[in-house]
Amino acid sequence: MYHAVLSKAKEALRFMRALSANKAWALNEKKVAKREKIQIYMLSPRLIIINMNNKYMTKEIEKKS
């Protein structure tokens, strides 16, 4: 369960980076990663909130059938 949450959190962070207007992420993600403030909150077993540099995103985890 924890691995699935972490995997979805990483996917959500990649999605946020793709939508970001900050060109530094595209140019050099490693340098920016040192400055990022990332917090991940788990509200329920299927919903997480990601706070990255004061930008919030929610991500629902799909249930595997």
PDB file of N, CA and C in Angstrom:
ATOM      1  N   MET A   1       0.831  -1.198   0.000  1.00  0.00           N
ATOM      2  CA  MET A   1       0.000   0.000   0.000  1.00  0.00           C
ATOM      3  C   MET A   1       0.873   1.259   0.000  1.00  0.00           C
ATOM      4  N   TYR A   2       1.877   1.285   0.876  1.00  0.00           N
ATOM      5  CA  TYR A   2       2.743   2.467   0.968  1.00  0.00           C
ATOM      6  C   TYR A   2       3.464   2.713  -0.353  1.00  0.00           C
ATOM      7  N   HIS A   3       3.943   1.636  -0.994  1.00  0.00           N
ATOM      8  CA  HIS A   3       4.648   1.773  -2.269  1.00  0.00           C
ATOM      9  C   HIS A   3       3.731   2.374  -3.332  1.00  0.00           C
ATOM     10  N   ALA A   4       2.473   1.954  -3.352  1.00  0.00           N
ATOM     11  CA  ALA A   4       1.514   2.486  -4.327  1.00  0.00           C
ATOM     12  C   ALA A   4       1.281   3.975  -4.094  1.00  0.00           C
ATOM     13  N   VAL A   5       1.183   4.375  -2.835  1.00  0.00           N
ATOM     14  CA  VAL A   5       0.982   5.793  -2.508  1.00  0.00           C
ATOM     15  C   VAL A   5       2.193   6.606  -2.935  1.00  0.00           C
ATOM     16  N   LEU A   6       3.371   6.108  -2.645  1.00  0.00           N
ATOM     17  CA  LEU A   6       4.594   6.815  -3.020  1.00  0.00           C
ATOM     18  C   LEU A   6       4.721   6.924  -4.537  1.00  0.00           C
ATOM     19  N   SER A   7       4.381   5.855  -5.240  1.00  0.00           N
ATOM     20  CA  SER A   7       4.426   5.862  -6.697  1.00  0.00           C
ATOM     21  C   SER A   7       3.462   6.897  -7.268  1.00  0.00           C
ATOM     22  N   LYS A   8       2.242   6.955  -6.734  1.00  0.00           N
ATOM     23  CA  LYS A   8       1.253   7.928  -7.202  1.00  0.00           C
ATOM     24  C   LYS A   8       1.676   9.348  -6.849  1.00  0.00           C
ATOM     25  N   ALA A   9       2.321   9.513  -5.700  1.00  0.00           N
ATOM     26  CA  ALA A   9       2.803  10.838  -5.308  1.00  0.00           C
ATOM     27  C   ALA A   9       3.873  11.322  -6.284  1.00  0.00           C
ATOM     28  N   LYS A  10       4.782  10.431  -6.660  1.00  0.00           N
ATOM     29  CA  LYS A  10       5.818  10.797  -7.627  1.00  0.00           C
ATOM     30  C   LYS A  10       5.198  11.140  -8.977  1.00  0.00           C
ATOM     31  N   GLU A  11       4.183  10.374  -9.372  1.00  0.00           N
ATOM     32  CA  GLU A  11       3.483  10.652 -10.632  1.00  0.00           C
ATOM     33  C   GLU A  11       2.816  12.028 -10.581  1.00  0.00           C
ATOM     34  N   ALA A  12       2.204  12.332  -9.454  1.00  0.00           N
ATOM     35  CA  ALA A  12       1.545  13.628  -9.295  1.00  0.00           C
ATOM     36  C   ALA A  12       2.559  14.771  -9.322  1.00  0.00           C
ATOM     37  N   LEU A  13       3.718  14.552  -8.716  1.00  0.00           N
ATOM     38  CA  LEU A  13       4.761  15.584  -8.739  1.00  0.00           C
ATOM     39  C   LEU A  13       5.272  15.825 -10.157  1.00  0.00           C
ATOM     40  N   ARG A  14       5.424  14.760 -10.928  1.00  0.00           N
ATOM     41  CA  ARG A  14       5.837  14.921 -12.327  1.00  0.00           C
ATOM     42  C   ARG A  14       4.788  15.713 -13.099  1.00  0.00           C
ATOM     43  N   PHE A  15       3.516  15.437 -12.816  1.00  0.00           N
ATOM     44  CA  PHE A  15       2.422  16.143 -13.467  1.00  0.00           C
ATOM     45  C   PHE A  15       2.462  17.631 -13.117  1.00  0.00           C
ATOM     46  N   MET A  16       2.706  17.938 -11.839  1.00  0.00           N
ATOM     47  CA  MET A  16       2.787  19.339 -11.413  1.00  0.00           C
ATOM     48  C   MET A  16       3.952  20.047 -12.094  1.00  0.00           C
ATOM     49  N   ARG A  17       5.072  19.354 -12.206  1.00  0.00           N
ATOM     50  CA  ARG A  17       6.238  19.960 -12.854  1.00  0.00           C
ATOM     51  C   ARG A  17       5.947  20.253 -14.322  1.00  0.00           C
ATOM     52  N   ALA A  18       5.232  19.344 -14.976  1.00  0.00           N
ATOM     53  CA  ALA A  18       4.906  19.540 -16.390  1.00  0.00           C
ATOM     54  C   ALA A  18       4.002  20.755 -16.580  1.00  0.00           C
ATOM     55  N   LEU A  19       3.119  21.009 -15.618  1.00  0.00           N
ATOM     56  CA  LEU A  19       2.199  22.135 -15.723  1.00  0.00           C
ATOM     57  C   LEU A  19       2.815  23.452 -15.265  1.00  0.00           C
ATOM     58  N   SER A  20       3.935  23.368 -14.585  1.00  0.00           N
ATOM     59  CA  SER A  20       4.529  24.564 -13.999  1.00  0.00           C
ATOM     60  C   SER A  20       5.090  25.506 -15.064  1.00  0.00           C
ATOM     61  N   ALA A  21       4.976  26.785 -14.791  1.00  0.00           N
ATOM     62  CA  ALA A  21       5.546  27.787 -15.695  1.00  0.00           C
ATOM     63  C   ALA A  21       7.030  28.008 -15.412  1.00  0.00           C
ATOM     64  N   ASN A  22       7.536  27.387 -14.354  1.00  0.00           N
ATOM     65  CA  ASN A  22       8.940  27.559 -13.981  1.00  0.00           C
ATOM     66  C   ASN A  22       9.824  26.776 -14.946  1.00  0.00           C
ATOM     67  N   LYS A  23      10.513  27.483 -15.836  1.00  0.00           N
ATOM     68  CA  LYS A  23      11.326  26.829 -16.857  1.00  0.00           C
ATOM     69  C   LYS A  23      12.558  26.142 -16.267  1.00  0.00           C
ATOM     70  N   ALA A  24      12.941  26.515 -15.063  1.00  0.00           N
ATOM     71  CA  ALA A  24      14.118  25.904 -14.440  1.00  0.00           C
ATOM     72  C   ALA A  24      13.912  24.409 -14.226  1.00  0.00           C
ATOM     73  N   TRP A  25      12.659  24.006 -13.983  1.00  0.00           N
ATOM     74  CA  TRP A  25      12.397  22.568 -13.806  1.00  0.00           C
ATOM     75  C   TRP A  25      12.760  21.804 -15.061  1.00  0.00           C
ATOM     76  N   ALA A  26      12.392  22.353 -16.209  1.00  0.00           N
ATOM     77  CA  ALA A  26      12.674  21.673 -17.467  1.00  0.00           C
ATOM     78  C   ALA A  26      14.173  21.710 -17.777  1.00  0.00           C
ATOM     79  N   LEU A  27      14.839  22.805 -17.400  1.00  0.00           N
ATOM     80  CA  LEU A  27      16.249  22.957 -17.737  1.00  0.00           C
ATOM     81  C   LEU A  27      17.160  22.123 -16.846  1.00  0.00           C
ATOM     82  N   ASN A  28      16.913  22.148 -15.551  1.00  0.00           N
ATOM     83  CA  ASN A  28      17.789  21.411 -14.647  1.00  0.00           C
ATOM     84  C   ASN A  28      17.018  20.994 -13.404  1.00  0.00           C
ATOM     85  N   GLU A  29      16.365  19.855 -13.479  1.00  0.00           N
ATOM     86  CA  GLU A  29      15.513  19.400 -12.391  1.00  0.00           C
ATOM     87  C   GLU A  29      16.304  19.087 -11.123  1.00  0.00           C
ATOM     88  N   LYS A  30      17.550  18.628 -11.269  1.00  0.00           N
ATOM     89  CA  LYS A  30      18.331  18.253 -10.089  1.00  0.00           C
ATOM     90  C   LYS A  30      18.625  19.460  -9.198  1.00  0.00           C
ATOM     91  N   LYS A  31      18.993  20.588  -9.790  1.00  0.00           N
ATOM     92  CA  LYS A  31      19.276  21.780  -8.993  1.00  0.00           C
ATOM     93  C   LYS A  31      18.015  22.289  -8.307  1.00  0.00           C
ATOM     94  N   VAL A  32      16.905  22.277  -9.022  1.00  0.00           N
ATOM     95  CA  VAL A  32      15.649  22.756  -8.455  1.00  0.00           C
ATOM     96  C   VAL A  32      15.187  21.831  -7.339  1.00  0.00           C
ATOM     97  N   ALA A  33      15.444  20.542  -7.492  1.00  0.00           N
ATOM     98  CA  ALA A  33      14.991  19.574  -6.492  1.00  0.00           C
ATOM     99  C   ALA A  33      15.568  19.890  -5.113  1.00  0.00           C
ATOM    100  N   LYS A  34      16.748  20.475  -5.068  1.00  0.00           N
ATOM    101  CA  LYS A  34      17.347  20.829  -3.784  1.00  0.00           C
ATOM    102  C   LYS A  34      16.596  21.978  -3.115  1.00  0.00           C
ATOM    103  N   ARG A  35      15.976  22.842  -3.921  1.00  0.00           N
ATOM    104  CA  ARG A  35      15.263  23.995  -3.362  1.00  0.00           C
ATOM    105  C   ARG A  35      13.789  23.714  -3.111  1.00  0.00           C
ATOM    106  N   GLU A  36      13.265  22.647  -3.675  1.00  0.00           N
ATOM    107  CA  GLU A  36      11.840  22.370  -3.534  1.00  0.00           C
ATOM    108  C   GLU A  36      11.497  22.008  -2.097  1.00  0.00           C
ATOM    109  N   LYS A  37      10.344  22.450  -1.687  1.00  0.00           N
ATOM    110  CA  LYS A  37       9.803  22.053  -0.397  1.00  0.00           C
ATOM    111  C   LYS A  37       8.600  21.172  -0.693  1.00  0.00           C
ATOM    112  N   ILE A  38       8.766  19.885  -0.498  1.00  0.00           N
ATOM    113  CA  ILE A  38       7.706  18.941  -0.844  1.00  0.00           C
ATOM    114  C   ILE A  38       7.156  18.315   0.430  1.00  0.00           C
ATOM    115  N   GLN A  39       5.853  18.388   0.589  1.00  0.00           N
ATOM    116  CA  GLN A  39       5.175  17.735   1.701  1.00  0.00           C
ATOM    117  C   GLN A  39       4.041  16.909   1.120  1.00  0.00           C
ATOM    118  N   ILE A  40       3.890  15.695   1.607  1.00  0.00           N
ATOM    119  CA  ILE A  40       2.825  14.822   1.127  1.00  0.00           C
ATOM    120  C   ILE A  40       1.951  14.450   2.321  1.00  0.00           C
ATOM    121  N   TYR A  41       0.660  14.708   2.197  1.00  0.00           N
ATOM    122  CA  TYR A  41      -0.295  14.394   3.253  1.00  0.00           C
ATOM    123  C   TYR A  41      -1.236  13.308   2.747  1.00  0.00           C
ATOM    124  N   MET A  42      -1.501  12.328   3.565  1.00  0.00           N
ATOM    125  CA  MET A  42      -2.436  11.272   3.192  1.00  0.00           C
ATOM    126  C   MET A  42      -3.720  11.486   3.977  1.00  0.00           C
ATOM    127  N   LEU A  43      -4.791  11.882   3.287  1.00  0.00           N
ATOM    128  CA  LEU A  43      -6.060  12.160   3.953  1.00  0.00           C
ATOM    129  C   LEU A  43      -6.875  10.903   4.183  1.00  0.00           C
ATOM    130  N   SER A  44      -6.755   9.972   3.272  1.00  0.00           N
ATOM    131  CA  SER A  44      -7.463   8.699   3.383  1.00  0.00           C
ATOM    132  C   SER A  44      -6.616   7.678   2.635  1.00  0.00           C
ATOM    133  N   PRO A  45      -6.991   6.404   2.696  1.00  0.00           N
ATOM    134  CA  PRO A  45      -6.183   5.411   1.965  1.00  0.00           C
ATOM    135  C   PRO A  45      -6.134   5.648   0.455  1.00  0.00           C
ATOM    136  N   ARG A  46      -7.045   6.480  -0.083  1.00  0.00           N
ATOM    137  CA  ARG A  46      -7.074   6.681  -1.526  1.00  0.00           C
ATOM    138  C   ARG A  46      -6.848   8.121  -1.959  1.00  0.00           C
ATOM    139  N   LEU A  47      -6.622   9.032  -1.025  1.00  0.00           N
ATOM    140  CA  LEU A  47      -6.484  10.440  -1.414  1.00  0.00           C
ATOM    141  C   LEU A  47      -5.265  11.054  -0.735  1.00  0.00           C
ATOM    142  N   ILE A  48      -4.415  11.650  -1.542  1.00  0.00           N
ATOM    143  CA  ILE A  48      -3.241  12.332  -0.990  1.00  0.00           C
ATOM    144  C   ILE A  48      -3.240  13.778  -1.462  1.00  0.00           C
ATOM    145  N   ILE A  49      -2.634  14.632  -0.666  1.00  0.00           N
ATOM    146  CA  ILE A  49      -2.444  16.033  -1.045  1.00  0.00           C
ATOM    147  C   ILE A  49      -0.941  16.276  -1.088  1.00  0.00           C
ATOM    148  N   ILE A  50      -0.505  16.914  -2.146  1.00  0.00           N
ATOM    149  CA  ILE A  50       0.910  17.227  -2.300  1.00  0.00           C
ATOM    150  C   ILE A  50       1.071  18.738  -2.281  1.00  0.00           C
ATOM    151  N   ASN A  51       1.958  19.217  -1.428  1.00  0.00           N
ATOM    152  CA  ASN A  51       2.280  20.638  -1.355  1.00  0.00           C
ATOM    153  C   ASN A  51       3.716  20.786  -1.839  1.00  0.00           C
ATOM    154  N   MET A  52       3.886  21.466  -2.971  1.00  0.00           N
ATOM    155  CA  MET A  52       5.220  21.665  -3.509  1.00  0.00           C
ATOM    156  C   MET A  52       5.408  23.152  -3.769  1.00  0.00           C
ATOM    157  N   ASN A  53       6.317  23.758  -3.028  1.00  0.00           N
ATOM    158  CA  ASN A  53       6.572  25.199  -3.152  1.00  0.00           C
ATOM    159  C   ASN A  53       5.281  25.997  -3.038  1.00  0.00           C
ATOM    160  N   ASN A  54       4.467  25.642  -2.061  1.00  0.00           N
ATOM    161  CA  ASN A  54       3.196  26.311  -1.771  1.00  0.00           C
ATOM    162  C   ASN A  54       2.168  26.181  -2.894  1.00  0.00           C
ATOM    163  N   LYS A  55       2.305  25.186  -3.754  1.00  0.00           N
ATOM    164  CA  LYS A  55       1.284  24.858  -4.748  1.00  0.00           C
ATOM    165  C   LYS A  55       0.688  23.519  -4.330  1.00  0.00           C
ATOM    166  N   TYR A  56      -0.618  23.458  -4.291  1.00  0.00           N
ATOM    167  CA  TYR A  56      -1.272  22.254  -3.802  1.00  0.00           C
ATOM    168  C   TYR A  56      -1.865  21.442  -4.941  1.00  0.00           C
ATOM    169  N   MET A  57      -1.852  20.139  -4.776  1.00  0.00           N
ATOM    170  CA  MET A  57      -2.470  19.240  -5.747  1.00  0.00           C
ATOM    171  C   MET A  57      -3.034  18.052  -4.997  1.00  0.00           C
ATOM    172  N   THR A  58      -4.207  17.618  -5.391  1.00  0.00           N
ATOM    173  CA  THR A  58      -4.764  16.399  -4.815  1.00  0.00           C
ATOM    174  C   THR A  58      -4.657  15.292  -5.846  1.00  0.00           C
ATOM    175  N   LYS A  59      -4.487  14.085  -5.379  1.00  0.00           N
ATOM    176  CA  LYS A  59      -4.360  12.933  -6.271  1.00  0.00           C
ATOM    177  C   LYS A  59      -5.131  11.780  -5.662  1.00  0.00           C
ATOM    178  N   GLU A  60      -6.070  11.251  -6.426  1.00  0.00           N
ATOM    179  CA  GLU A  60      -6.817  10.091  -5.955  1.00  0.00           C
ATOM    180  C   GLU A  60      -6.135   8.841  -6.485  1.00  0.00           C
ATOM    181  N   ILE A  61      -5.965   7.873  -5.615  1.00  0.00           N
ATOM    182  CA  ILE A  61      -5.304   6.631  -5.987  1.00  0.00           C
ATOM    183  C   ILE A  61      -6.361   5.655  -6.488  1.00  0.00           C
ATOM    184  N   GLU A  62      -6.160   5.167  -7.707  1.00  0.00           N
ATOM    185  CA  GLU A  62      -7.116   4.221  -8.267  1.00  0.00           C
ATOM    186  C   GLU A  62      -6.997   2.886  -7.551  1.00  0.00           C
ATOM    187  N   LYS A  63      -8.133   2.284  -7.309  1.00  0.00           N
ATOM    188  CA  LYS A  63      -8.143   0.988  -6.643  1.00  0.00           C
ATOM    189  C   LYS A  63      -7.916  -0.096  -7.683  1.00  0.00           C
ATOM    190  N   LYS A  64      -6.956  -0.984  -7.411  1.00  0.00           N
ATOM    191  CA  LYS A  64      -6.690  -2.076  -8.347  1.00  0.00           C
ATOM    192  C   LYS A  64      -7.771  -3.134  -8.196  1.00  0.00           C
ATOM    193  N   SER A  65      -8.269  -3.601  -9.338  1.00  0.00           N
ATOM    194  CA  SER A  65      -9.330  -4.616  -9.269  1.00  0.00           C
ATOM    195  C   SER A  65      -8.772  -6.014  -9.397  1.00  0.00           C
TER     196      SER A  65
END
